[in-house]
Amino acid sequence: MRLLTQAKKILLGLVVLVIIMISTSFNTIINFITDYKWFEEVGFEKVFLTKLITELKIGIPAFILITVFVYLYLYSVKKEYYKKVSVVYRAVPEKTINQIILLVSVFTGFISSISLSGNLWFDILKFINLTDFNISDPIFGKDISFYIFKYPLFHKAYYMIISFIFLLAIITIIFCFIMITLRRPTLVETHVNDEIEIKIRRRHINLGNGKRLFEIIIKQLTIIGVIFFIIIGVGYFLKTYELLYSQRGVVYGAGYTDIKVVLLKYKVLMMFSFVSAVLLVVGIRKRKIRLALSGPVLMIIVSIIGNIGAIIVQNYIVSPDEISKERKYIEYNIEYTQNAYNLKNVEEREFSANESLTLEDIKKNDETISNIRVNDYRPTKLVYNAKQGIRHYYRFKDVDIDRYYIDGKYTQVFLSARELDQTSINQDVLTFINKHLIYTHGYGIVLSPVNKVNAVGLPEMLVKNIPPITNVAELEVKRPEIYFGELTDNYIIVDTKEKEFDYPKGETNAESVYKGKAGIKLNGLNKLLFAYKQKSLKMLLSGNITSESKIILNRNIHERVRKIMPFIQYDSDPYIVLNDGKLYWIMDGYTISSNYPYSEPLKDVDINYIRNSVKVVIDAYNGTTTYYLADENDPLVMTYAKIFPQLFTTMDKMPEGLRNHIRYPQTLFDIQSEVYRMYHMKDPRVFYNEEDKWDIAKEQYDVQEQQIESNYLLMKLPGEEREEFILSVPYTPKGKDNMTAIFIGRSDGENYGKLVIYKLPKSKNIYGPMQIENRIDSDPIISRDMTYWNQQGSRVIRGNLLIIPIENSLLYVEPIYIKSANENSLPEVKRVIVAYGDKIVMEPTLRESLEKIFGKESDMPKVDISVPNKLIEKENINELIIRANNVFSSAQEAQRQGNWAEYGRLLKELERVLKRLSEINSKVSEKATVE
């Protein structure tokens, strides 16, 4: 009966404990269940469970071991207390004391195991699944995988053990005081009539027991102290590896002083830590405090001497002969930095940059010329939003650059997704129904070639309007709805009794029903779970939501990929791709580390290793998210692939249509180009003196000087057979404006990811971007026209200066925009400046500017000169007639917009064209008369 009563009490206690745990962790439980259902919906439930399973595998054994260890430890302290203290007053039963010990042990075990599993689970998985780099560090000879995967685990574990030791010391002191409170030393008084003798004996026993209690505490703290000094010794051993990240010397990484002095200091301190543990025990046993403290004192002295020695060596031995002493460490820094940023295999090519370009060369590189960008993405974004926004709730977040085959020609284009921005909808009408059931998706894209503008200088759109229309079969959009994007921040519910808004259609709206794969059905308990998760009573009560309805979560692609895999760094600029009539987002993912030995960290960022190892593709309609392994030579991503085998897909399984649109990421290229400014130098002496340090060239954009952006270009590289999609940025010597090199990142086919540096001759001046900008400013005709336009109620905006290598020469191209003073006006491309050699011209079109420098095809000598001349003159007449019509249309448009400055300019241009027509017509008439 007694056992039954105890069992009932235990059962009741467990029930109460479970109720308390559920009530305090209710939100956590709901979040876990709903997250699991979402991960299951997107097909990554094993990825989601990896963390939980690993934490349980680590946490449960850790909890048991720590709890048992602390229990046995405190139990031994209790026994020691009973042994030392002669007489005790039993204020509480022994069972209560044991329960207190158990409670403290369980609490300590729970807190420690939670901290251990929560902080170390991923580091432990990386340790277990590590992939070797097959590169060893130059000092200790360990594979780089030790520093990327093992050392971070050891480092974290070290500080967690130190924290646990301090916690154990605090628990020891507190427990001893609890014991003296619950089991107080006292006196069994037998001499009742002799009060003086009783007081003396009580005082004597209390003092004795207090002394013994102090001895117990000291004994336990001594044991803890010994462990502490041993761990400190291990810590100094780990610190030796930290030297590979030293910033003491001339370069990042261990230098002469670190290896000759600091490394020795750490080794001595490590030895003295173990000696301190021994001296602590001996000193306590012999009751010699000085002996016990001599170890820590010696460690402090060694540390001070070591620091002073390092300063002396650095200032008086290294600094006077720095290049000699640090030479090999500079070599290490160069080599390992190049490895870490994947700059080891940059292909170096000499580029003569002569001025031998001919009209024949221009014709031979027509595809490069026809893809020169005369539009800029910033004005294009304004035009898209103004002309193709259609409604106030549609927005183009940014403009992406890509390439497509259009009518069989490889063409560089701008394109952007038309997303639905709910923040632009009046919040008074953005009810629950409108927000989550009706206004659910964006619609279509806009696409325009980078090299074409219409009659008024705005981008010529090949895909436009709602629904999207195009005259190019390859650009037909069959599934224009955008349910997942950069502005889709709210959850939606589909397959409801309410139809969704599809797109505006005249005076009404077209409606649709979602037919995709995304979403979790709101049947059974799901409706209750997600209503609680989203804090939405309306979801629970709405009659429009049925058991067939589905909730679609995490539609913002930035949040979506980070929720699935937070251990990858993602590019902030995903781009939209049209493939087989469907829309997809492609986002670049990076693996990074700050633990690569000797590699120079990025400025203001704790990163010294990076790879673009992942390409993430998100279906804009279905939300299907696929992680493709883009770099199987990256040990970091291959380790992740072992940890999360369900997550990654090999690149050969990416559809060919999507694979044709992967591009070398601008973020990675910008990082590499920044690092390469210094790390193209391989000679330690040249590097040390910064004799050939480069700057990324500057340009004048609008009216401000800025560092030139890396630019995507579609062009034929010198020495190559066909055009390709590349990234490019020019370099100038440090503090100079002349150009010294052009850095190229390739994106197409087998050349994807290859880096090329075109080195320009140092024996002559090669115009840099700012030198071209200065020549533009000093050209009397160009300067006069720009000044005139800036004073006539309009503003001149100078676009990006593009540097185009053609054959063995350089061509410079800069578009000129004119924007009227009207607040709602748009920048229009009105002129294109072309510079080549000492020539610089500005004409209405790129073709005209090139013709002014290199001549027209009609100017080329022919074998039979009579008939071709007639044909050429007729062709020129036709071209001029077309030009006159275009100018006349532009003048009419300027008149309608009230842009009188532009109207006046166009009338003068029309007058010039008509005059030229008259001259050619006269010549043709004269020749006809002679014949």
Foldseek 3Di string as FASTA:
>chain_A
DVVVVVVVVVVVVVVVVVVVVCVVCVLVVLVLVVVLLQCVLLQFNVLVCLLVVLLCVQLVVQLVVQLVVQLVVLVVLVVLLPVQQPAWDQQDDPVVLSVVSNVVSNVLSNVLSCVCSVVCSVLVLCVVLFDFLPDAAPPPRHTLSCLFRPLVNVVVVLVSVLVVLVVSLVVLVVSLVVCCVNIPRADDDDPPPPVVVRVVVRVVSNVSSVVSSVVSSLVSVLVSLLVNLLSVLVVLVSVLLVQLQDPPALAGGHFLLCVPQVNVLSNVLSVLSNVLSVQLVVCVVVVNVCSNCVSVVVNVVSVVVSVVVSVCCVPPPCVVPVCVRGVVLLLSLLVLLCVQLVNPFAAEAAFAADFPDFPVLCVVFVLQLQQDFQDDFVLLLLCCCVPFLQDQQWHFPGKDWFWDQFPNHIFIKIKTATWGACVSDPPVPCDPCNVAPAAQWGFAMWMFTRADDALQFHTDTQWGDVNTDHPTPQPAAPDGTFRAEQRNADKHKFPWQDWYFDQDDPPRTDTHGADASAFDFCPDCNQVSVCVVVVHVCSVVPPRHDRRMGIGPDRYPVSVVCVSPVQWAKDPDWDWDADPNFIKTKIFTKHWDLRRRSFHDDPPDSTSHIDRQWIWIAGRRHRNIAIEGRDPSDSVVVSVCVSSVSHYDYPVPPPPRVLQTDFDDQVSVVRVVVVCQQSVDNRSVCSSVVVFGKDFAWAQWFHDIDRAGWDWRWGADAPGDHTFTKTKTWIDGVPDQFTFWMKIAGPGDPSHGHIYIHGYDPVDGHGHRVNVVVVCCPDVVNVVVQVLLCPQQKGKTKHHWDWDDRHSHIKIKIWIWIFGNPPSTGTRGQWMWIDGDPDIDIDRHPVVNVCVVNNDPLPDDDPDPPPVNLVVLVVVLVVLVVVLVSLVVNLVVCVVVVVVSSNVVSVVVSVVSVVVSVVSVVVSVVVVVVD
